[in-house]
N, C-alpha and C. Protein backbone atom coordinates (compact mmCIF):
# COMPACT_ATOMS: atom_id res chain seq x y z
N UNK A 1 24.79 -134.69 80.30
CA UNK A 1 25.45 -134.35 79.04
C UNK A 1 24.72 -134.93 77.85
N UNK A 2 24.14 -136.06 78.00
CA UNK A 2 23.46 -136.72 76.90
C UNK A 2 22.28 -135.88 76.40
N UNK A 3 21.56 -135.24 77.31
CA UNK A 3 20.42 -134.41 76.94
C UNK A 3 20.88 -133.22 76.09
N UNK A 4 21.99 -132.60 76.48
CA UNK A 4 22.50 -131.47 75.71
C UNK A 4 22.92 -131.88 74.30
N UNK A 5 23.49 -133.05 74.16
CA UNK A 5 23.88 -133.54 72.84
C UNK A 5 22.65 -133.78 71.97
N UNK A 6 21.60 -134.33 72.55
CA UNK A 6 20.36 -134.58 71.81
C UNK A 6 19.74 -133.26 71.38
N UNK A 7 19.70 -132.29 72.32
CA UNK A 7 19.15 -130.97 71.99
C UNK A 7 19.97 -130.29 70.90
N UNK A 8 21.28 -130.42 70.98
CA UNK A 8 22.17 -129.82 69.98
C UNK A 8 21.93 -130.43 68.60
N UNK A 9 21.78 -131.74 68.54
CA UNK A 9 21.51 -132.40 67.26
C UNK A 9 20.15 -131.99 66.70
N UNK A 10 19.16 -131.88 67.58
CA UNK A 10 17.83 -131.45 67.13
C UNK A 10 17.86 -130.01 66.63
N UNK A 11 18.59 -129.16 67.34
CA UNK A 11 18.71 -127.77 66.90
C UNK A 11 19.38 -127.69 65.53
N UNK A 12 20.44 -128.47 65.36
CA UNK A 12 21.13 -128.48 64.07
C UNK A 12 20.20 -128.96 62.96
N UNK A 13 19.38 -129.95 63.25
CA UNK A 13 18.45 -130.45 62.26
C UNK A 13 17.39 -129.40 61.91
N UNK A 14 16.87 -128.71 62.90
CA UNK A 14 15.88 -127.66 62.68
C UNK A 14 16.48 -126.53 61.85
N UNK A 15 17.70 -126.14 62.19
CA UNK A 15 18.37 -125.06 61.45
C UNK A 15 18.63 -125.47 60.01
N UNK A 16 19.04 -126.71 59.78
CA UNK A 16 19.28 -127.16 58.41
C UNK A 16 17.98 -127.17 57.60
N UNK A 17 16.89 -127.60 58.22
CA UNK A 17 15.60 -127.59 57.53
C UNK A 17 15.17 -126.16 57.22
N UNK A 18 15.28 -125.27 58.19
CA UNK A 18 14.89 -123.87 57.99
C UNK A 18 15.77 -123.21 56.94
N UNK A 19 17.07 -123.52 56.95
CA UNK A 19 18.00 -122.97 55.95
C UNK A 19 17.61 -123.43 54.55
N UNK A 20 17.30 -124.71 54.41
CA UNK A 20 16.86 -125.24 53.12
C UNK A 20 15.59 -124.54 52.67
N UNK A 21 14.64 -124.37 53.58
CA UNK A 21 13.36 -123.74 53.24
C UNK A 21 13.57 -122.29 52.79
N UNK A 22 14.42 -121.55 53.50
CA UNK A 22 14.70 -120.16 53.13
C UNK A 22 15.41 -120.08 51.78
N UNK A 23 16.34 -121.00 51.52
CA UNK A 23 17.02 -121.01 50.23
C UNK A 23 16.05 -121.37 49.11
N UNK A 24 15.12 -122.27 49.39
CA UNK A 24 14.11 -122.64 48.40
C UNK A 24 13.23 -121.44 48.07
N UNK A 25 12.82 -120.69 49.09
CA UNK A 25 12.03 -119.48 48.86
C UNK A 25 12.83 -118.47 48.05
N UNK A 26 14.11 -118.37 48.32
CA UNK A 26 14.98 -117.46 47.57
C UNK A 26 15.00 -117.82 46.08
N UNK A 27 15.13 -119.11 45.80
CA UNK A 27 15.11 -119.56 44.39
C UNK A 27 13.76 -119.26 43.76
N UNK A 28 12.68 -119.51 44.50
CA UNK A 28 11.34 -119.20 43.99
C UNK A 28 11.20 -117.71 43.65
N UNK A 29 11.76 -116.87 44.49
CA UNK A 29 11.69 -115.42 44.24
C UNK A 29 12.38 -115.06 42.93
N UNK A 30 13.52 -115.66 42.67
CA UNK A 30 14.23 -115.37 41.43
C UNK A 30 13.43 -115.87 40.23
N UNK A 31 12.89 -117.08 40.34
CA UNK A 31 12.12 -117.64 39.22
C UNK A 31 10.84 -116.84 38.98
N UNK A 32 10.11 -116.52 40.04
CA UNK A 32 8.89 -115.72 39.90
C UNK A 32 9.24 -114.34 39.33
N UNK A 33 10.32 -113.76 39.84
CA UNK A 33 10.75 -112.46 39.33
C UNK A 33 11.09 -112.51 37.86
N UNK A 34 11.74 -113.58 37.44
CA UNK A 34 12.07 -113.74 36.02
C UNK A 34 10.81 -113.83 35.17
N UNK A 35 9.85 -114.63 35.62
CA UNK A 35 8.60 -114.78 34.87
C UNK A 35 7.86 -113.44 34.80
N UNK A 36 7.73 -112.76 35.93
CA UNK A 36 7.02 -111.47 35.95
C UNK A 36 7.75 -110.44 35.08
N UNK A 37 9.06 -110.45 35.12
CA UNK A 37 9.85 -109.51 34.32
C UNK A 37 9.69 -109.80 32.84
N UNK A 38 9.70 -111.07 32.46
CA UNK A 38 9.50 -111.41 31.05
C UNK A 38 8.11 -111.03 30.59
N UNK A 39 7.10 -111.19 31.46
CA UNK A 39 5.74 -110.76 31.11
C UNK A 39 5.69 -109.26 30.87
N UNK A 40 6.33 -108.51 31.77
CA UNK A 40 6.35 -107.05 31.59
C UNK A 40 7.13 -106.65 30.34
N UNK A 41 8.24 -107.30 30.09
CA UNK A 41 9.04 -106.99 28.91
C UNK A 41 8.25 -107.26 27.64
N UNK A 42 7.49 -108.34 27.64
CA UNK A 42 6.68 -108.65 26.46
C UNK A 42 5.58 -107.61 26.28
N UNK A 43 4.97 -107.18 27.38
CA UNK A 43 3.91 -106.17 27.32
C UNK A 43 4.45 -104.82 26.84
N UNK A 44 5.69 -104.48 27.22
CA UNK A 44 6.27 -103.19 26.87
C UNK A 44 7.22 -103.26 25.68
N UNK A 45 7.13 -104.29 24.87
CA UNK A 45 8.13 -104.48 23.81
C UNK A 45 8.11 -103.39 22.75
N UNK A 46 7.00 -102.68 22.59
CA UNK A 46 6.93 -101.61 21.58
C UNK A 46 6.75 -100.23 22.22
N UNK A 47 7.27 -100.09 23.44
CA UNK A 47 7.10 -98.82 24.15
C UNK A 47 8.45 -98.12 24.29
N UNK A 48 8.41 -96.84 24.68
CA UNK A 48 9.67 -96.11 24.88
C UNK A 48 10.53 -96.75 25.98
N UNK A 49 11.78 -96.44 25.92
CA UNK A 49 12.72 -97.04 26.87
C UNK A 49 12.46 -96.61 28.30
N UNK A 50 11.77 -95.49 28.53
CA UNK A 50 11.50 -95.06 29.90
C UNK A 50 10.61 -96.06 30.62
N UNK A 51 9.71 -96.73 29.88
CA UNK A 51 8.88 -97.74 30.50
C UNK A 51 9.66 -99.04 30.74
N UNK A 52 10.71 -99.24 29.97
CA UNK A 52 11.53 -100.43 30.16
C UNK A 52 12.30 -100.38 31.49
N UNK A 53 12.48 -99.21 32.03
CA UNK A 53 13.12 -99.09 33.34
C UNK A 53 12.27 -99.78 34.39
N UNK A 54 10.95 -99.72 34.23
CA UNK A 54 10.06 -100.42 35.16
C UNK A 54 10.28 -101.92 35.11
N UNK A 55 10.56 -102.44 33.91
CA UNK A 55 10.83 -103.87 33.76
C UNK A 55 12.08 -104.25 34.54
N UNK A 56 13.10 -103.44 34.40
CA UNK A 56 14.36 -103.70 35.11
C UNK A 56 14.17 -103.60 36.62
N UNK A 57 13.41 -102.61 37.05
CA UNK A 57 13.14 -102.44 38.48
C UNK A 57 12.33 -103.60 39.05
N UNK A 58 11.45 -104.16 38.23
CA UNK A 58 10.66 -105.31 38.67
C UNK A 58 11.58 -106.47 39.04
N UNK A 59 12.52 -106.78 38.16
CA UNK A 59 13.43 -107.89 38.43
C UNK A 59 14.36 -107.58 39.60
N UNK A 60 14.82 -106.35 39.67
CA UNK A 60 15.71 -105.96 40.78
C UNK A 60 15.00 -106.09 42.12
N UNK A 61 13.71 -105.79 42.15
CA UNK A 61 12.94 -105.92 43.39
C UNK A 61 12.86 -107.39 43.82
N UNK A 62 12.61 -108.27 42.87
CA UNK A 62 12.55 -109.69 43.19
C UNK A 62 13.92 -110.22 43.62
N UNK A 63 14.99 -109.72 43.00
CA UNK A 63 16.33 -110.13 43.41
C UNK A 63 16.65 -109.67 44.83
N UNK A 64 16.23 -108.46 45.16
CA UNK A 64 16.45 -107.96 46.52
C UNK A 64 15.70 -108.82 47.53
N UNK A 65 14.49 -109.22 47.20
CA UNK A 65 13.73 -110.10 48.09
C UNK A 65 14.41 -111.45 48.23
N UNK A 66 14.91 -111.99 47.13
CA UNK A 66 15.63 -113.26 47.18
C UNK A 66 16.87 -113.15 48.06
N UNK A 67 17.57 -112.03 47.96
CA UNK A 67 18.76 -111.83 48.80
C UNK A 67 18.40 -111.77 50.28
N UNK A 68 17.23 -111.23 50.61
CA UNK A 68 16.79 -111.18 52.01
C UNK A 68 16.63 -112.60 52.55
N UNK A 69 15.98 -113.47 51.78
CA UNK A 69 15.80 -114.85 52.22
C UNK A 69 17.14 -115.58 52.29
N UNK A 70 18.02 -115.31 51.33
CA UNK A 70 19.34 -115.95 51.34
C UNK A 70 20.15 -115.50 52.56
N UNK A 71 20.04 -114.23 52.89
CA UNK A 71 20.73 -113.71 54.06
C UNK A 71 20.21 -114.38 55.33
N UNK A 72 18.90 -114.56 55.41
CA UNK A 72 18.31 -115.25 56.56
C UNK A 72 18.82 -116.68 56.67
N UNK A 73 18.93 -117.36 55.54
CA UNK A 73 19.45 -118.73 55.53
C UNK A 73 20.89 -118.77 56.01
N UNK A 74 21.68 -117.80 55.57
CA UNK A 74 23.09 -117.77 55.98
C UNK A 74 23.25 -117.40 57.45
N UNK A 75 22.37 -116.55 57.96
CA UNK A 75 22.41 -116.23 59.39
C UNK A 75 22.15 -117.51 60.20
N UNK A 76 21.16 -118.28 59.78
CA UNK A 76 20.88 -119.55 60.48
C UNK A 76 22.07 -120.50 60.41
N UNK A 77 22.67 -120.62 59.24
CA UNK A 77 23.82 -121.52 59.09
C UNK A 77 24.98 -121.08 59.97
N UNK A 78 25.14 -119.78 60.11
CA UNK A 78 26.24 -119.25 60.93
C UNK A 78 26.02 -119.53 62.41
N UNK A 79 24.77 -119.63 62.84
CA UNK A 79 24.51 -119.87 64.27
C UNK A 79 24.95 -121.24 64.72
N UNK A 80 24.90 -122.24 63.82
CA UNK A 80 25.30 -123.58 64.26
C UNK A 80 26.73 -123.93 63.92
N UNK A 81 27.30 -123.26 62.93
CA UNK A 81 28.71 -123.54 62.59
C UNK A 81 29.39 -122.24 62.16
N UNK A 82 29.76 -121.42 63.13
CA UNK A 82 30.35 -120.11 62.78
C UNK A 82 31.81 -120.22 62.34
N UNK A 83 32.03 -120.60 61.09
CA UNK A 83 33.39 -120.66 60.56
C UNK A 83 33.69 -119.37 59.82
N UNK A 84 34.96 -119.18 59.48
CA UNK A 84 35.34 -117.99 58.72
C UNK A 84 34.67 -117.98 57.35
N UNK A 85 34.47 -119.17 56.78
CA UNK A 85 33.82 -119.26 55.48
C UNK A 85 32.38 -118.78 55.55
N UNK A 86 31.62 -119.27 56.53
CA UNK A 86 30.22 -118.85 56.64
C UNK A 86 30.10 -117.40 57.06
N UNK A 87 30.99 -116.92 57.91
CA UNK A 87 30.96 -115.52 58.31
C UNK A 87 31.30 -114.60 57.13
N UNK A 88 32.26 -115.02 56.32
CA UNK A 88 32.62 -114.24 55.13
C UNK A 88 31.49 -114.19 54.13
N UNK A 89 30.84 -115.34 53.92
CA UNK A 89 29.70 -115.39 53.01
C UNK A 89 28.56 -114.51 53.52
N UNK A 90 28.32 -114.56 54.82
CA UNK A 90 27.27 -113.75 55.43
C UNK A 90 27.58 -112.26 55.27
N UNK A 91 28.82 -111.89 55.52
CA UNK A 91 29.22 -110.49 55.37
C UNK A 91 29.11 -110.01 53.93
N UNK A 92 29.52 -110.85 52.99
CA UNK A 92 29.44 -110.48 51.57
C UNK A 92 27.99 -110.32 51.13
N UNK A 93 27.14 -111.25 51.54
CA UNK A 93 25.73 -111.13 51.20
C UNK A 93 25.10 -109.89 51.81
N UNK A 94 25.48 -109.57 53.03
CA UNK A 94 24.94 -108.38 53.68
C UNK A 94 25.35 -107.12 52.91
N UNK A 95 26.60 -107.06 52.49
CA UNK A 95 27.08 -105.89 51.73
C UNK A 95 26.36 -105.79 50.39
N UNK A 96 26.22 -106.93 49.68
CA UNK A 96 25.52 -106.93 48.40
C UNK A 96 24.09 -106.46 48.58
N UNK A 97 23.42 -106.97 49.61
CA UNK A 97 22.02 -106.60 49.87
C UNK A 97 21.89 -105.11 50.16
N UNK A 98 22.79 -104.59 50.97
CA UNK A 98 22.74 -103.17 51.33
C UNK A 98 22.95 -102.30 50.09
N UNK A 99 23.95 -102.64 49.28
CA UNK A 99 24.24 -101.85 48.07
C UNK A 99 23.07 -101.95 47.09
N UNK A 100 22.56 -103.17 46.88
CA UNK A 100 21.45 -103.36 45.95
C UNK A 100 20.21 -102.60 46.41
N UNK A 101 19.88 -102.71 47.69
CA UNK A 101 18.71 -102.01 48.21
C UNK A 101 18.88 -100.49 48.14
N UNK A 102 20.09 -100.01 48.37
CA UNK A 102 20.34 -98.57 48.30
C UNK A 102 20.07 -98.06 46.89
N UNK A 103 20.69 -98.69 45.89
CA UNK A 103 20.53 -98.22 44.53
C UNK A 103 19.12 -98.49 44.00
N UNK A 104 18.52 -99.60 44.40
CA UNK A 104 17.16 -99.88 44.00
C UNK A 104 16.20 -98.82 44.55
N UNK A 105 16.36 -98.49 45.82
CA UNK A 105 15.53 -97.44 46.43
C UNK A 105 15.73 -96.11 45.75
N UNK A 106 16.97 -95.81 45.40
CA UNK A 106 17.27 -94.55 44.71
C UNK A 106 16.61 -94.51 43.33
N UNK A 107 16.66 -95.60 42.59
CA UNK A 107 16.06 -95.65 41.27
C UNK A 107 14.54 -95.59 41.35
N UNK A 108 13.95 -96.28 42.31
CA UNK A 108 12.50 -96.23 42.47
C UNK A 108 12.05 -94.80 42.80
N UNK A 109 12.81 -94.14 43.65
CA UNK A 109 12.48 -92.75 44.00
C UNK A 109 12.57 -91.85 42.77
N UNK A 110 13.60 -92.04 41.95
CA UNK A 110 13.75 -91.24 40.73
C UNK A 110 12.62 -91.51 39.75
N UNK A 111 12.22 -92.80 39.63
CA UNK A 111 11.14 -93.15 38.70
C UNK A 111 9.82 -92.54 39.14
N UNK A 112 9.58 -92.50 40.43
CA UNK A 112 8.33 -91.92 40.94
C UNK A 112 8.29 -90.41 40.76
N UNK A 113 9.44 -89.76 40.75
CA UNK A 113 9.50 -88.30 40.58
C UNK A 113 9.34 -87.87 39.12
N UNK A 114 9.46 -88.82 38.20
CA UNK A 114 9.32 -88.48 36.76
C UNK A 114 7.88 -88.30 36.36
C-alpha cells in the first residue's frame, strides 16, 4: 500500500506541474495575442473597416488557442480530483471553446471568400 500512496502523490505532483505549465502557456497566448492584435490595429488605423475584421480575427485566434491550453489544464486537474466543480468548469470551457471555434471558423471562411 505504501508504494501506491507514493505513486499517487507523485502523479498528483506531476499533474499539478503540468496544469500550471498549461495555464502559463494559456496566459502567454492571450498576452502575445494582445500584442499582435495591437500591432495590427496600429498598422490598419487609417484603413477601411473591412481590414479591421482581420485585427479582430487575429485576437480571436489567439483566444481560441489559449482556451485549448486551458481546457488541457482542466482535463488534467479533473483526472486527479474529479469533483462537480472541476467537471462543471471543464464542461463550461469545452462549450465555450466549441462555440468560439465554430464562429471563428465561420468568420475566417467568410473573410477568405471576400
